[in-house]
């Protein structure tokens, strides 16, 4: 099961690396910019296309799911490490940007949670009112 689907994953990764390097070159940065995201997007699109055409075997699908499950946490850990090193090298402005971004994300998540909670309580209140009238 593990080796099935590796060819598709590798092709998507290779295209993603090439596109990421090209984007980095266009931006004047000596780094891969967005290559991992491009490769994962290509993988999702390719798997969806092959499923719709019934050309993806079950074993290949399981292999792709396995490698995708392994691949994503590794990439996240690598990028998190790079971000911390860059933030410490970049000084106070990089740390401030990280703190502001994190706090804004927390605020937005809390706001969305509160809004959804109010909507679900409103639905329950309407349901109770319907039964008691």
C-alpha atoms as a PDB file:
ATOM      1  CA  UNK A   1       0.000   0.000   0.000  1.00  0.00           C
ATOM      2  CA  UNK A   2       2.781   2.424   0.909  1.00  0.00           C
ATOM      3  CA  UNK A   3       4.545   2.497  -2.458  1.00  0.00           C
ATOM      4  CA  UNK A   4       1.349   3.012  -4.479  1.00  0.00           C
ATOM      5  CA  UNK A   5       0.727   6.573  -5.568  1.00  0.00           C
ATOM      6  CA  UNK A   6       4.311   7.711  -5.013  1.00  0.00           C
ATOM      7  CA  UNK A   7       4.779   8.478  -8.720  1.00  0.00           C
ATOM      8  CA  UNK A   8       1.869  10.922  -8.716  1.00  0.00           C
ATOM      9  CA  UNK A   9       3.083  12.504  -5.479  1.00  0.00           C
ATOM     10  CA  UNK A  10       6.623  12.869  -6.860  1.00  0.00           C
ATOM     11  CA  UNK A  11       5.467  14.416 -10.132  1.00  0.00           C
ATOM     12  CA  UNK A  12       3.350  16.963  -8.250  1.00  0.00           C
ATOM     13  CA  UNK A  13       6.248  17.708  -5.891  1.00  0.00           C
ATOM     14  CA  UNK A  14       8.697  18.137  -8.782  1.00  0.00           C
ATOM     15  CA  UNK A  15       6.361  20.553 -10.578  1.00  0.00           C
ATOM     16  CA  UNK A  16       5.782  22.415  -7.305  1.00  0.00           C
ATOM     17  CA  UNK A  17       9.527  22.807  -6.692  1.00  0.00           C
ATOM     18  CA  UNK A  18      10.090  24.101 -10.235  1.00  0.00           C
ATOM     19  CA  UNK A  19       7.197  26.586  -9.967  1.00  0.00           C
ATOM     20  CA  UNK A  20       8.297  27.671  -6.458  1.00  0.00           C
ATOM     21  CA  UNK A  21      11.870  28.257  -7.591  1.00  0.00           C
ATOM     22  CA  UNK A  22      10.618  30.229 -10.604  1.00  0.00           C
ATOM     23  CA  UNK A  23       8.397  32.370  -8.364  1.00  0.00           C
ATOM     24  CA  UNK A  24      11.319  32.975  -6.039  1.00  0.00           C
ATOM     25  CA  UNK A  25      13.461  34.030  -8.989  1.00  0.00           C
ATOM     26  CA  UNK A  26      10.768  36.399 -10.240  1.00  0.00           C
ATOM     27  CA  UNK A  27      10.504  37.957  -6.790  1.00  0.00           C
ATOM     28  CA  UNK A  28      14.271  38.287  -6.449  1.00  0.00           C
ATOM     29  CA  UNK A  29      14.461  35.859  -3.546  1.00  0.00           C
ATOM     30  CA  UNK A  30      16.871  32.943  -3.502  1.00  0.00           C
ATOM     31  CA  UNK A  31      14.270  30.564  -2.119  1.00  0.00           C
ATOM     32  CA  UNK A  32      11.394  28.344  -3.117  1.00  0.00           C
ATOM     33  CA  UNK A  33       8.273  30.490  -2.782  1.00  0.00           C
ATOM     34  CA  UNK A  34       5.056  28.510  -2.526  1.00  0.00           C
ATOM     35  CA  UNK A  35       6.367  25.330  -4.123  1.00  0.00           C
ATOM     36  CA  UNK A  36       4.962  23.045  -1.449  1.00  0.00           C
ATOM     37  CA  UNK A  37       1.559  24.692  -1.697  1.00  0.00           C
ATOM     38  CA  UNK A  38       1.575  24.353  -5.477  1.00  0.00           C
ATOM     39  CA  UNK A  39       2.534  20.683  -5.237  1.00  0.00           C
ATOM     40  CA  UNK A  40      -0.193  19.903  -2.691  1.00  0.00           C
ATOM     41  CA  UNK A  41      -2.765  21.772  -4.787  1.00  0.00           C
ATOM     42  CA  UNK A  42      -1.697  19.829  -7.885  1.00  0.00           C
ATOM     43  CA  UNK A  43      -1.938  16.578  -5.929  1.00  0.00           C
ATOM     44  CA  UNK A  44      -5.466  17.364  -4.740  1.00  0.00           C
ATOM     45  CA  UNK A  45      -6.559  18.359  -8.250  1.00  0.00           C
ATOM     46  CA  UNK A  46      -4.932  15.297  -9.841  1.00  0.00           C
ATOM     47  CA  UNK A  47      -6.492  12.885  -7.338  1.00  0.00           C
ATOM     48  CA  UNK A  48      -9.903  14.511  -7.791  1.00  0.00           C
ATOM     49  CA  UNK A  49      -9.604  14.315 -11.589  1.00  0.00           C
ATOM     50  CA  UNK A  50      -8.517  10.673 -11.508  1.00  0.00           C
ATOM     51  CA  UNK A  51     -11.348   9.772  -9.123  1.00  0.00           C
ATOM     52  CA  UNK A  52     -13.928  11.391 -11.395  1.00  0.00           C
ATOM     53  CA  UNK A  53     -12.562   9.439 -14.377  1.00  0.00           C
ATOM     54  CA  UNK A  54     -12.412   6.198 -12.313  1.00  0.00           C
ATOM     55  CA  UNK A  55      -8.708   5.807 -13.137  1.00  0.00           C
ATOM     56  CA  UNK A  56      -7.404   5.781  -9.572  1.00  0.00           C
ATOM     57  CA  UNK A  57      -7.089   2.365  -7.983  1.00  0.00           C
ATOM     58  CA  UNK A  58      -8.019   1.931  -4.332  1.00  0.00           C
ATOM     59  CA  UNK A  59      -4.465   0.941  -3.365  1.00  0.00           C
ATOM     60  CA  UNK A  60      -3.056   4.018  -5.090  1.00  0.00           C
ATOM     61  CA  UNK A  61      -5.590   6.210  -3.311  1.00  0.00           C
ATOM     62  CA  UNK A  62      -4.623   4.691   0.048  1.00  0.00           C
ATOM     63  CA  UNK A  63      -0.925   5.182  -0.726  1.00  0.00           C
ATOM     64  CA  UNK A  64      -1.464   8.827  -1.660  1.00  0.00           C
ATOM     65  CA  UNK A  65      -3.468   9.375   1.528  1.00  0.00           C
ATOM     66  CA  UNK A  66      -0.658   7.771   3.567  1.00  0.00           C
ATOM     67  CA  UNK A  67       2.103   9.870   2.003  1.00  0.00           C
ATOM     68  CA  UNK A  68      -0.025  13.012   2.173  1.00  0.00           C
ATOM     69  CA  UNK A  69      -0.595  12.359   5.872  1.00  0.00           C
ATOM     70  CA  UNK A  70       3.147  11.962   6.456  1.00  0.00           C
ATOM     71  CA  UNK A  71       4.196  14.798   4.181  1.00  0.00           C
ATOM     72  CA  UNK A  72       2.072  17.639   5.588  1.00  0.00           C
ATOM     73  CA  UNK A  73       3.302  17.460   9.227  1.00  0.00           C
ATOM     74  CA  UNK A  74       6.920  17.315   8.081  1.00  0.00           C
ATOM     75  CA  UNK A  75       6.509  20.397   5.903  1.00  0.00           C
ATOM     76  CA  UNK A  76       4.709  22.269   8.678  1.00  0.00           C
ATOM     77  CA  UNK A  77       7.485  21.431  11.154  1.00  0.00           C
ATOM     78  CA  UNK A  78      10.180  22.517   8.691  1.00  0.00           C
ATOM     79  CA  UNK A  79       8.484  25.816   7.892  1.00  0.00           C
ATOM     80  CA  UNK A  80       7.813  26.519  11.574  1.00  0.00           C
ATOM     81  CA  UNK A  81      11.507  26.030  12.328  1.00  0.00           C
ATOM     82  CA  UNK A  82      12.498  28.360   9.490  1.00  0.00           C
ATOM     83  CA  UNK A  83      10.019  30.987  10.657  1.00  0.00           C
ATOM     84  CA  UNK A  84      11.412  30.968  14.193  1.00  0.00           C
ATOM     85  CA  UNK A  85      15.015  31.248  12.964  1.00  0.00           C
ATOM     86  CA  UNK A  86      14.054  34.065  10.578  1.00  0.00           C
ATOM     87  CA  UNK A  87      12.132  35.866  13.329  1.00  0.00           C
ATOM     88  CA  UNK A  88      15.069  35.733  15.701  1.00  0.00           C
ATOM     89  CA  UNK A  89      17.447  36.917  12.973  1.00  0.00           C
ATOM     90  CA  UNK A  90      15.032  39.606  11.787  1.00  0.00           C
ATOM     91  CA  UNK A  91      14.816  41.282  15.151  1.00  0.00           C
ATOM     92  CA  UNK A  92      11.947  42.999  16.875  1.00  0.00           C
ATOM     93  CA  UNK A  93       9.869  43.815  13.801  1.00  0.00           C
ATOM     94  CA  UNK A  94       9.547  40.152  12.799  1.00  0.00           C
ATOM     95  CA  UNK A  95       8.575  39.155  16.336  1.00  0.00           C
ATOM     96  CA  UNK A  96       6.061  42.022  16.519  1.00  0.00           C
ATOM     97  CA  UNK A  97       4.536  40.938  13.201  1.00  0.00           C
ATOM     98  CA  UNK A  98       4.174  37.375  14.516  1.00  0.00           C
ATOM     99  CA  UNK A  99       2.538  38.520  17.756  1.00  0.00           C
ATOM    100  CA  UNK A 100       0.136  40.874  15.953  1.00  0.00           C
ATOM    101  CA  UNK A 101      -0.787  38.208  13.390  1.00  0.00           C
ATOM    102  CA  UNK A 102      -1.390  35.585  16.073  1.00  0.00           C
ATOM    103  CA  UNK A 103      -3.488  37.905  18.226  1.00  0.00           C
ATOM    104  CA  UNK A 104      -5.616  38.983  15.270  1.00  0.00           C
ATOM    105  CA  UNK A 105      -6.165  35.341  14.303  1.00  0.00           C
ATOM    106  CA  UNK A 106      -7.262  34.529  17.829  1.00  0.00           C
ATOM    107  CA  UNK A 107      -9.643  37.511  17.830  1.00  0.00           C
ATOM    108  CA  UNK A 108     -11.211  36.485  14.528  1.00  0.00           C
ATOM    109  CA  UNK A 109     -11.610  32.860  15.631  1.00  0.00           C
ATOM    110  CA  UNK A 110     -13.258  33.991  18.874  1.00  0.00           C
ATOM    111  CA  UNK A 111     -15.615  36.312  16.955  1.00  0.00           C
ATOM    112  CA  UNK A 112     -16.623  33.581  14.509  1.00  0.00           C
ATOM    113  CA  UNK A 113     -17.159  31.148  17.397  1.00  0.00           C
ATOM    114  CA  UNK A 114     -19.396  33.621  19.237  1.00  0.00           C
ATOM    115  CA  UNK A 115     -21.403  34.332  16.102  1.00  0.00           C
ATOM    116  CA  UNK A 116     -21.954  30.634  15.388  1.00  0.00           C
ATOM    117  CA  UNK A 117     -22.910  30.023  19.018  1.00  0.00           C
ATOM    118  CA  UNK A 118     -25.520  32.806  18.892  1.00  0.00           C
ATOM    119  CA  UNK A 119     -26.932  31.432  15.637  1.00  0.00           C
ATOM    120  CA  UNK A 120     -27.200  27.907  17.034  1.00  0.00           C
ATOM    121  CA  UNK A 121     -28.838  29.205  20.251  1.00  0.00           C
ATOM    122  CA  UNK A 122     -31.290  31.184  18.115  1.00  0.00           C
ATOM    123  CA  UNK A 123     -32.223  28.026  16.217  1.00  0.00           C
ATOM    124  CA  UNK A 124     -32.798  26.153  19.472  1.00  0.00           C
ATOM    125  CA  UNK A 125     -34.944  29.004  20.790  1.00  0.00           C
ATOM    126  CA  UNK A 126     -37.012  29.016  17.599  1.00  0.00           C
ATOM    127  CA  UNK A 127     -37.440  25.239  17.842  1.00  0.00           C
ATOM    128  CA  UNK A 128     -38.616  25.490  21.470  1.00  0.00           C
ATOM    129  CA  UNK A 129     -40.987  28.330  20.620  1.00  0.00           C
ATOM    130  CA  UNK A 130     -42.458  26.224  17.821  1.00  0.00           C
ATOM    131  CA  UNK A 131     -43.156  23.301  20.170  1.00  0.00           C
ATOM    132  CA  UNK A 132     -44.638  25.429  22.955  1.00  0.00           C
ATOM    133  CA  UNK A 133     -47.061  27.456  20.822  1.00  0.00           C
END
